[in-house]
Amino acid sequence: MILDNTLIKVNHYEEEKVNGLYQISVVFNVTSEDYHDIATLLYKGKFDVTVPETGIFFRGTIQKYSTSITNLYEKGQVGEYKLSLLEKEI
């Protein structure tokens, strides 16, 4: 999956249509080394979402977001992130 221009390797992917709009839910790992960049990206809240494997592209917003660990500033840590994105109506 690509959010804006950032490639994110997902461990789990689900896709559905909600009122005719794409909603995708993903699970991915974030290392302490990548934490700052991913956190900064996610704080934007709105993204160009691309799923190369399915050809899906849409402008989306975060619907749900959680992480298994809150202190990724410690070197060598890996957190599991869960993220749901919903396509914005144009």
PDB file of N, CA and C in Angstrom:
ATOM      1  N   MET A   1       0.849  -1.163   0.000  1.00  0.00           N
ATOM      2  CA  MET A   1       0.000   0.000   0.000  1.00  0.00           C
ATOM      3  C   MET A   1       0.899   1.230   0.000  1.00  0.00           C
ATOM      4  N   ILE A   2       0.441   2.257  -0.659  1.00  0.00           N
ATOM      5  CA  ILE A   2       1.180   3.516  -0.688  1.00  0.00           C
ATOM      6  C   ILE A   2       0.260   4.619  -0.165  1.00  0.00           C
ATOM      7  N   LEU A   3       0.716   5.324   0.875  1.00  0.00           N
ATOM      8  CA  LEU A   3       0.013   6.499   1.382  1.00  0.00           C
ATOM      9  C   LEU A   3       0.819   7.708   0.955  1.00  0.00           C
ATOM     10  N   ASP A   4       0.188   8.573   0.172  1.00  0.00           N
ATOM     11  CA  ASP A   4       0.893   9.667  -0.484  1.00  0.00           C
ATOM     12  C   ASP A   4       2.074   9.041  -1.235  1.00  0.00           C
ATOM     13  N   ASN A   5       3.298   9.315  -0.888  1.00  0.00           N
ATOM     14  CA  ASN A   5       4.428   8.702  -1.594  1.00  0.00           C
ATOM     15  C   ASN A   5       5.199   7.722  -0.716  1.00  0.00           C
ATOM     16  N   THR A   6       4.578   7.236   0.359  1.00  0.00           N
ATOM     17  CA  THR A   6       5.250   6.346   1.297  1.00  0.00           C
ATOM     18  C   THR A   6       4.743   4.915   1.129  1.00  0.00           C
ATOM     19  N   LEU A   7       5.655   4.011   0.807  1.00  0.00           N
ATOM     20  CA  LEU A   7       5.323   2.600   0.663  1.00  0.00           C
ATOM     21  C   LEU A   7       5.246   1.959   2.042  1.00  0.00           C
ATOM     22  N   ILE A   8       4.153   1.251   2.293  1.00  0.00           N
ATOM     23  CA  ILE A   8       3.967   0.556   3.560  1.00  0.00           C
ATOM     24  C   ILE A   8       3.690  -0.910   3.248  1.00  0.00           C
ATOM     25  N   LYS A   9       4.541  -1.778   3.770  1.00  0.00           N
ATOM     26  CA  LYS A   9       4.369  -3.220   3.572  1.00  0.00           C
ATOM     27  C   LYS A   9       3.361  -3.713   4.596  1.00  0.00           C
ATOM     28  N   VAL A  10       2.234  -4.238   4.114  1.00  0.00           N
ATOM     29  CA  VAL A  10       1.169  -4.662   5.015  1.00  0.00           C
ATOM     30  C   VAL A  10       1.245  -6.161   5.283  1.00  0.00           C
ATOM     31  N   ASN A  11       0.860  -6.534   6.503  1.00  0.00           N
ATOM     32  CA  ASN A  11       0.813  -7.943   6.904  1.00  0.00           C
ATOM     33  C   ASN A  11      -0.573  -8.534   6.689  1.00  0.00           C
ATOM     34  N   HIS A  12      -1.586  -7.662   6.748  1.00  0.00           N
ATOM     35  CA  HIS A  12      -2.972  -8.107   6.582  1.00  0.00           C
ATOM     36  C   HIS A  12      -3.734  -6.993   5.867  1.00  0.00           C
ATOM     37  N   TYR A  13      -4.607  -7.394   4.934  1.00  0.00           N
ATOM     38  CA  TYR A  13      -5.338  -6.434   4.117  1.00  0.00           C
ATOM     39  C   TYR A  13      -6.779  -6.893   3.953  1.00  0.00           C
ATOM     40  N   GLU A  14      -7.715  -6.000   4.192  1.00  0.00           N
ATOM     41  CA  GLU A  14      -9.131  -6.251   3.921  1.00  0.00           C
ATOM     42  C   GLU A  14      -9.689  -5.060   3.164  1.00  0.00           C
ATOM     43  N   GLU A  15     -10.594  -5.358   2.258  1.00  0.00           N
ATOM     44  CA  GLU A  15     -11.201  -4.313   1.428  1.00  0.00           C
ATOM     45  C   GLU A  15     -12.699  -4.546   1.347  1.00  0.00           C
ATOM     46  N   GLU A  16     -13.450  -3.470   1.424  1.00  0.00           N
ATOM     47  CA  GLU A  16     -14.895  -3.564   1.252  1.00  0.00           C
ATOM     48  C   GLU A  16     -15.414  -2.244   0.701  1.00  0.00           C
ATOM     49  N   LYS A  17     -16.655  -2.274   0.265  1.00  0.00           N
ATOM     50  CA  LYS A  17     -17.327  -1.048  -0.181  1.00  0.00           C
ATOM     51  C   LYS A  17     -18.341  -0.659   0.888  1.00  0.00           C
ATOM     52  N   VAL A  18     -18.324   0.611   1.269  1.00  0.00           N
ATOM     53  CA  VAL A  18     -19.265   1.152   2.234  1.00  0.00           C
ATOM     54  C   VAL A  18     -19.990   2.306   1.546  1.00  0.00           C
ATOM     55  N   ASN A  19     -21.276   2.140   1.295  1.00  0.00           N
ATOM     56  CA  ASN A  19     -22.055   3.144   0.569  1.00  0.00           C
ATOM     57  C   ASN A  19     -21.392   3.523  -0.757  1.00  0.00           C
ATOM     58  N   GLY A  20     -20.844   2.517  -1.431  1.00  0.00           N
ATOM     59  CA  GLY A  20     -20.220   2.728  -2.735  1.00  0.00           C
ATOM     60  C   GLY A  20     -18.797   3.255  -2.687  1.00  0.00           C
ATOM     61  N   LEU A  21     -18.238   3.446  -1.486  1.00  0.00           N
ATOM     62  CA  LEU A  21     -16.881   3.976  -1.334  1.00  0.00           C
ATOM     63  C   LEU A  21     -15.960   2.880  -0.795  1.00  0.00           C
ATOM     64  N   TYR A  22     -14.706   2.917  -1.231  1.00  0.00           N
ATOM     65  CA  TYR A  22     -13.741   1.947  -0.724  1.00  0.00           C
ATOM     66  C   TYR A  22     -13.422   2.184   0.744  1.00  0.00           C
ATOM     67  N   GLN A  23     -13.338   1.092   1.474  1.00  0.00           N
ATOM     68  CA  GLN A  23     -12.778   1.123   2.817  1.00  0.00           C
ATOM     69  C   GLN A  23     -11.782  -0.018   2.896  1.00  0.00           C
ATOM     70  N   ILE A  24     -10.564   0.325   3.278  1.00  0.00           N
ATOM     71  CA  ILE A  24      -9.564  -0.720   3.448  1.00  0.00           C
ATOM     72  C   ILE A  24      -9.068  -0.705   4.888  1.00  0.00           C
ATOM     73  N   SER A  25      -8.778  -1.893   5.377  1.00  0.00           N
ATOM     74  CA  SER A  25      -8.225  -2.057   6.715  1.00  0.00           C
ATOM     75  C   SER A  25      -6.938  -2.837   6.574  1.00  0.00           C
ATOM     76  N   VAL A  26      -5.883  -2.341   7.199  1.00  0.00           N
ATOM     77  CA  VAL A  26      -4.573  -2.974   7.086  1.00  0.00           C
ATOM     78  C   VAL A  26      -3.934  -3.111   8.458  1.00  0.00           C
ATOM     79  N   VAL A  27      -3.039  -4.069   8.543  1.00  0.00           N
ATOM     80  CA  VAL A  27      -2.184  -4.252   9.706  1.00  0.00           C
ATOM     81  C   VAL A  27      -0.757  -4.254   9.180  1.00  0.00           C
ATOM     82  N   PHE A  28       0.118  -3.470   9.825  1.00  0.00           N
ATOM     83  CA  PHE A  28       1.508  -3.415   9.388  1.00  0.00           C
ATOM     84  C   PHE A  28       2.411  -3.141  10.582  1.00  0.00           C
ATOM     85  N   ASN A  29       3.670  -3.487  10.428  1.00  0.00           N
ATOM     86  CA  ASN A  29       4.651  -3.276  11.486  1.00  0.00           C
ATOM     87  C   ASN A  29       5.388  -1.962  11.265  1.00  0.00           C
ATOM     88  N   VAL A  30       5.719  -1.304  12.374  1.00  0.00           N
ATOM     89  CA  VAL A  30       6.518  -0.086  12.338  1.00  0.00           C
ATOM     90  C   VAL A  30       7.675  -0.273  13.312  1.00  0.00           C
ATOM     91  N   THR A  31       8.881  -0.082  12.818  1.00  0.00           N
ATOM     92  CA  THR A  31      10.064  -0.194  13.672  1.00  0.00           C
ATOM     93  C   THR A  31      10.349   1.144  14.341  1.00  0.00           C
ATOM     94  N   SER A  32      11.152   1.081  15.386  1.00  0.00           N
ATOM     95  CA  SER A  32      11.515   2.328  16.070  1.00  0.00           C
ATOM     96  C   SER A  32      12.241   3.265  15.112  1.00  0.00           C
ATOM     97  N   GLU A  33      12.956   2.710  14.132  1.00  0.00           N
ATOM     98  CA  GLU A  33      13.676   3.533  13.162  1.00  0.00           C
ATOM     99  C   GLU A  33      12.720   4.271  12.221  1.00  0.00           C
ATOM    100  N   ASP A  34      11.566   3.668  11.927  1.00  0.00           N
ATOM    101  CA  ASP A  34      10.598   4.271  11.004  1.00  0.00           C
ATOM    102  C   ASP A  34       9.477   5.033  11.711  1.00  0.00           C
ATOM    103  N   TYR A  35       9.447   4.947  13.030  1.00  0.00           N
ATOM    104  CA  TYR A  35       8.324   5.492  13.807  1.00  0.00           C
ATOM    105  C   TYR A  35       8.053   6.960  13.517  1.00  0.00           C
ATOM    106  N   HIS A  36       9.060   7.795  13.563  1.00  0.00           N
ATOM    107  CA  HIS A  36       8.844   9.234  13.387  1.00  0.00           C
ATOM    108  C   HIS A  36       8.211   9.539  12.024  1.00  0.00           C
ATOM    109  N   ASP A  37       8.748   8.929  10.966  1.00  0.00           N
ATOM    110  CA  ASP A  37       8.226   9.185   9.623  1.00  0.00           C
ATOM    111  C   ASP A  37       6.781   8.714   9.486  1.00  0.00           C
ATOM    112  N   ILE A  38       6.464   7.532  10.014  1.00  0.00           N
ATOM    113  CA  ILE A  38       5.101   7.001   9.915  1.00  0.00           C
ATOM    114  C   ILE A  38       4.144   7.829  10.763  1.00  0.00           C
ATOM    115  N   ALA A  39       4.557   8.181  11.979  1.00  0.00           N
ATOM    116  CA  ALA A  39       3.694   8.991  12.854  1.00  0.00           C
ATOM    117  C   ALA A  39       3.393  10.340  12.208  1.00  0.00           C
ATOM    118  N   THR A  40       4.396  10.976  11.638  1.00  0.00           N
ATOM    119  CA  THR A  40       4.212  12.266  10.968  1.00  0.00           C
ATOM    120  C   THR A  40       3.249  12.122   9.795  1.00  0.00           C
ATOM    121  N   LEU A  41       3.401  11.056   9.027  1.00  0.00           N
ATOM    122  CA  LEU A  41       2.512  10.804   7.896  1.00  0.00           C
ATOM    123  C   LEU A  41       1.072  10.618   8.368  1.00  0.00           C
ATOM    124  N   LEU A  42       0.864   9.769   9.375  1.00  0.00           N
ATOM    125  CA  LEU A  42      -0.493   9.462   9.821  1.00  0.00           C
ATOM    126  C   LEU A  42      -1.195  10.658  10.450  1.00  0.00           C
ATOM    127  N   TYR A  43      -0.441  11.563  11.057  1.00  0.00           N
ATOM    128  CA  TYR A  43      -1.055  12.753  11.652  1.00  0.00           C
ATOM    129  C   TYR A  43      -1.721  13.646  10.615  1.00  0.00           C
ATOM    130  N   LYS A  44      -1.340  13.499   9.351  1.00  0.00           N
ATOM    131  CA  LYS A  44      -1.977  14.285   8.295  1.00  0.00           C
ATOM    132  C   LYS A  44      -3.463  13.940   8.170  1.00  0.00           C
ATOM    133  N   GLY A  45      -3.797  12.661   8.360  1.00  0.00           N
ATOM    134  CA  GLY A  45      -5.193  12.239   8.380  1.00  0.00           C
ATOM    135  C   GLY A  45      -5.856  12.025   7.032  1.00  0.00           C
ATOM    136  N   LYS A  46      -5.359  12.658   5.969  1.00  0.00           N
ATOM    137  CA  LYS A  46      -5.914  12.508   4.623  1.00  0.00           C
ATOM    138  C   LYS A  46      -4.779  12.130   3.683  1.00  0.00           C
ATOM    139  N   PHE A  47      -5.069  11.183   2.777  1.00  0.00           N
ATOM    140  CA  PHE A  47      -3.996  10.638   1.942  1.00  0.00           C
ATOM    141  C   PHE A  47      -4.500  10.276   0.556  1.00  0.00           C
ATOM    142  N   ASP A  48      -3.562  10.258  -0.400  1.00  0.00           N
ATOM    143  CA  ASP A  48      -3.769   9.540  -1.647  1.00  0.00           C
ATOM    144  C   ASP A  48      -3.413   8.100  -1.325  1.00  0.00           C
ATOM    145  N   VAL A  49      -4.382   7.205  -1.485  1.00  0.00           N
ATOM    146  CA  VAL A  49      -4.204   5.796  -1.138  1.00  0.00           C
ATOM    147  C   VAL A  49      -4.097   4.994  -2.428  1.00  0.00           C
ATOM    148  N   THR A  50      -3.024   4.221  -2.557  1.00  0.00           N
ATOM    149  CA  THR A  50      -2.822   3.364  -3.715  1.00  0.00           C
ATOM    150  C   THR A  50      -2.555   1.952  -3.225  1.00  0.00           C
ATOM    151  N   VAL A  51      -3.262   1.002  -3.822  1.00  0.00           N
ATOM    152  CA  VAL A  51      -3.012  -0.416  -3.545  1.00  0.00           C
ATOM    153  C   VAL A  51      -2.604  -1.040  -4.878  1.00  0.00           C
ATOM    154  N   PRO A  52      -1.287  -1.098  -5.148  1.00  0.00           N
ATOM    155  CA  PRO A  52      -0.822  -1.560  -6.459  1.00  0.00           C
ATOM    156  C   PRO A  52      -1.319  -2.953  -6.841  1.00  0.00           C
ATOM    157  N   GLU A  53      -1.435  -3.852  -5.876  1.00  0.00           N
ATOM    158  CA  GLU A  53      -1.831  -5.231  -6.162  1.00  0.00           C
ATOM    159  C   GLU A  53      -3.254  -5.331  -6.704  1.00  0.00           C
ATOM    160  N   THR A  54      -4.124  -4.373  -6.338  1.00  0.00           N
ATOM    161  CA  THR A  54      -5.514  -4.425  -6.788  1.00  0.00           C
ATOM    162  C   THR A  54      -5.864  -3.320  -7.775  1.00  0.00           C
ATOM    163  N   GLY A  55      -4.964  -2.353  -7.940  1.00  0.00           N
ATOM    164  CA  GLY A  55      -5.230  -1.232  -8.838  1.00  0.00           C
ATOM    165  C   GLY A  55      -6.124  -0.164  -8.233  1.00  0.00           C
ATOM    166  N   ILE A  56      -6.366  -0.240  -6.942  1.00  0.00           N
ATOM    167  CA  ILE A  56      -7.226   0.743  -6.278  1.00  0.00           C
ATOM    168  C   ILE A  56      -6.442   2.025  -6.017  1.00  0.00           C
ATOM    169  N   PHE A  57      -7.088   3.154  -6.290  1.00  0.00           N
ATOM    170  CA  PHE A  57      -6.543   4.466  -5.969  1.00  0.00           C
ATOM    171  C   PHE A  57      -7.692   5.349  -5.524  1.00  0.00           C
ATOM    172  N   PHE A  58      -7.540   6.017  -4.376  1.00  0.00           N
ATOM    173  CA  PHE A  58      -8.557   6.953  -3.914  1.00  0.00           C
ATOM    174  C   PHE A  58      -7.950   7.934  -2.922  1.00  0.00           C
ATOM    175  N   ARG A  59      -8.664   9.014  -2.692  1.00  0.00           N
ATOM    176  CA  ARG A  59      -8.328   9.973  -1.641  1.00  0.00           C
ATOM    177  C   ARG A  59      -9.084   9.507  -0.403  1.00  0.00           C
ATOM    178  N   GLY A  60      -8.371   9.284   0.691  1.00  0.00           N
ATOM    179  CA  GLY A  60      -9.029   8.711   1.855  1.00  0.00           C
ATOM    180  C   GLY A  60      -8.654   9.382   3.156  1.00  0.00           C
ATOM    181  N   THR A  61      -9.450   9.062   4.182  1.00  0.00           N
ATOM    182  CA  THR A  61      -9.225   9.579   5.522  1.00  0.00           C
ATOM    183  C   THR A  61      -9.192   8.411   6.513  1.00  0.00           C
ATOM    184  N   ILE A  62      -8.527   8.635   7.632  1.00  0.00           N
ATOM    185  CA  ILE A  62      -8.445   7.616   8.673  1.00  0.00           C
ATOM    186  C   ILE A  62      -9.801   7.488   9.358  1.00  0.00           C
ATOM    187  N   GLN A  63     -10.275   6.237   9.473  1.00  0.00           N
ATOM    188  CA  GLN A  63     -11.503   5.951  10.205  1.00  0.00           C
ATOM    189  C   GLN A  63     -11.187   5.350  11.572  1.00  0.00           C
ATOM    190  N   LYS A  64     -10.201   4.465  11.616  1.00  0.00           N
ATOM    191  CA  LYS A  64      -9.760   3.834  12.862  1.00  0.00           C
ATOM    192  C   LYS A  64      -8.244   3.705  12.801  1.00  0.00           C
ATOM    193  N   TYR A  65      -7.634   3.797  13.984  1.00  0.00           N
ATOM    194  CA  TYR A  65      -6.179   3.720  14.057  1.00  0.00           C
ATOM    195  C   TYR A  65      -5.799   3.248  15.450  1.00  0.00           C
ATOM    196  N   SER A  66      -4.923   2.268  15.535  1.00  0.00           N
ATOM    197  CA  SER A  66      -4.419   1.830  16.837  1.00  0.00           C
ATOM    198  C   SER A  66      -3.034   1.229  16.662  1.00  0.00           C
ATOM    199  N   THR A  67      -2.309   1.149  17.767  1.00  0.00           N
ATOM    200  CA  THR A  67      -0.980   0.564  17.758  1.00  0.00           C
ATOM    201  C   THR A  67      -0.800  -0.293  18.998  1.00  0.00           C
ATOM    202  N   SER A  68       0.020  -1.325  18.876  1.00  0.00           N
ATOM    203  CA  SER A  68       0.237  -2.254  19.980  1.00  0.00           C
ATOM    204  C   SER A  68       1.246  -1.732  20.994  1.00  0.00           C
ATOM    205  N   ILE A  69       1.973  -0.695  20.631  1.00  0.00           N
ATOM    206  CA  ILE A  69       3.023  -0.172  21.504  1.00  0.00           C
ATOM    207  C   ILE A  69       3.061   1.343  21.355  1.00  0.00           C
ATOM    208  N   THR A  70       3.270   2.026  22.448  1.00  0.00           N
ATOM    209  CA  THR A  70       3.257   3.487  22.376  1.00  0.00           C
ATOM    210  C   THR A  70       4.643   4.100  22.476  1.00  0.00           C
ATOM    211  N   ASN A  71       5.645   3.335  22.861  1.00  0.00           N
ATOM    212  CA  ASN A  71       6.990   3.889  23.009  1.00  0.00           C
ATOM    213  C   ASN A  71       7.937   3.297  21.977  1.00  0.00           C
ATOM    214  N   LEU A  72       7.810   3.760  20.755  1.00  0.00           N
ATOM    215  CA  LEU A  72       8.704   3.292  19.699  1.00  0.00           C
ATOM    216  C   LEU A  72       9.967   4.136  19.603  1.00  0.00           C
ATOM    217  N   TYR A  73      10.176   5.022  20.582  1.00  0.00           N
ATOM    218  CA  TYR A  73      11.423   5.790  20.597  1.00  0.00           C
ATOM    219  C   TYR A  73      12.588   4.942  21.071  1.00  0.00           C
ATOM    220  N   GLU A  74      12.312   3.834  21.759  1.00  0.00           N
ATOM    221  CA  GLU A  74      13.383   2.943  22.211  1.00  0.00           C
ATOM    222  C   GLU A  74      13.868   2.111  21.038  1.00  0.00           C
ATOM    223  N   LYS A  75      15.158   2.115  20.793  1.00  0.00           N
ATOM    224  CA  LYS A  75      15.754   1.415  19.663  1.00  0.00           C
ATOM    225  C   LYS A  75      15.430  -0.079  19.712  1.00  0.00           C
ATOM    226  N   GLY A  76      15.147  -0.641  18.531  1.00  0.00           N
ATOM    227  CA  GLY A  76      14.902  -2.069  18.407  1.00  0.00           C
ATOM    228  C   GLY A  76      13.463  -2.498  18.647  1.00  0.00           C
ATOM    229  N   GLN A  77      12.571  -1.565  18.897  1.00  0.00           N
ATOM    230  CA  GLN A  77      11.163  -1.890  19.137  1.00  0.00           C
ATOM    231  C   GLN A  77      10.414  -2.006  17.808  1.00  0.00           C
ATOM    232  N   VAL A  78       9.373  -2.851  17.803  1.00  0.00           N
ATOM    233  CA  VAL A  78       8.494  -2.988  16.641  1.00  0.00           C
ATOM    234  C   VAL A  78       7.064  -2.951  17.143  1.00  0.00           C
ATOM    235  N   GLY A  79       6.264  -2.078  16.555  1.00  0.00           N
ATOM    236  CA  GLY A  79       4.855  -1.971  16.913  1.00  0.00           C
ATOM    237  C   GLY A  79       3.982  -2.442  15.767  1.00  0.00           C
ATOM    238  N   GLU A  80       2.843  -3.032  16.117  1.00  0.00           N
ATOM    239  CA  GLU A  80       1.866  -3.438  15.116  1.00  0.00           C
ATOM    240  C   GLU A  80       0.802  -2.354  15.022  1.00  0.00           C
ATOM    241  N   TYR A  81       0.642  -1.798  13.851  1.00  0.00           N
ATOM    242  CA  TYR A  81      -0.343  -0.748  13.615  1.00  0.00           C
ATOM    243  C   TYR A  81      -1.545  -1.335  12.889  1.00  0.00           C
ATOM    244  N   LYS A  82      -2.741  -0.884  13.290  1.00  0.00           N
ATOM    245  CA  LYS A  82      -3.981  -1.237  12.606  1.00  0.00           C
ATOM    246  C   LYS A  82      -4.593   0.065  12.120  1.00  0.00           C
ATOM    247  N   LEU A  83      -4.957   0.080  10.842  1.00  0.00           N
ATOM    248  CA  LEU A  83      -5.408   1.312  10.215  1.00  0.00           C
ATOM    249  C   LEU A  83      -6.556   1.015   9.269  1.00  0.00           C
ATOM    250  N   SER A  84      -7.643   1.768   9.381  1.00  0.00           N
ATOM    251  CA  SER A  84      -8.751   1.694   8.439  1.00  0.00           C
ATOM    252  C   SER A  84      -8.892   3.039   7.738  1.00  0.00           C
ATOM    253  N   LEU A  85      -8.982   2.990   6.438  1.00  0.00           N
ATOM    254  CA  LEU A  85      -9.085   4.190   5.618  1.00  0.00           C
ATOM    255  C   LEU A  85     -10.360   4.132   4.797  1.00  0.00           C
ATOM    256  N   LEU A  86     -11.061   5.254   4.722  1.00  0.00           N
ATOM    257  CA  LEU A  86     -12.289   5.335   3.947  1.00  0.00           C
ATOM    258  C   LEU A  86     -12.135   6.367   2.845  1.00  0.00           C
ATOM    259  N   GLU A  87     -12.569   5.993   1.644  1.00  0.00           N
ATOM    260  CA  GLU A  87     -12.536   6.912   0.505  1.00  0.00           C
ATOM    261  C   GLU A  87     -13.414   8.123   0.785  1.00  0.00           C
ATOM    262  N   LYS A  88     -12.914   9.293   0.451  1.00  0.00           N
ATOM    263  CA  LYS A  88     -13.695  10.529   0.592  1.00  0.00           C
ATOM    264  C   LYS A  88     -14.585  10.705  -0.630  1.00  0.00           C
ATOM    265  N   GLU A  89     -15.800  11.156  -0.384  1.00  0.00           N
ATOM    266  CA  GLU A  89     -16.676  11.484  -1.498  1.00  0.00           C
ATOM    267  C   GLU A  89     -16.162  12.732  -2.191  1.00  0.00           C
ATOM    268  N   ILE A  90     -16.250  12.731  -3.499  1.00  0.00           N
ATOM    269  CA  ILE A  90     -15.750  13.881  -4.269  1.00  0.00           C
ATOM    270  C   ILE A  90     -16.870  14.854  -4.537  1.00  0.00           C
TER     271      ILE A  90
END
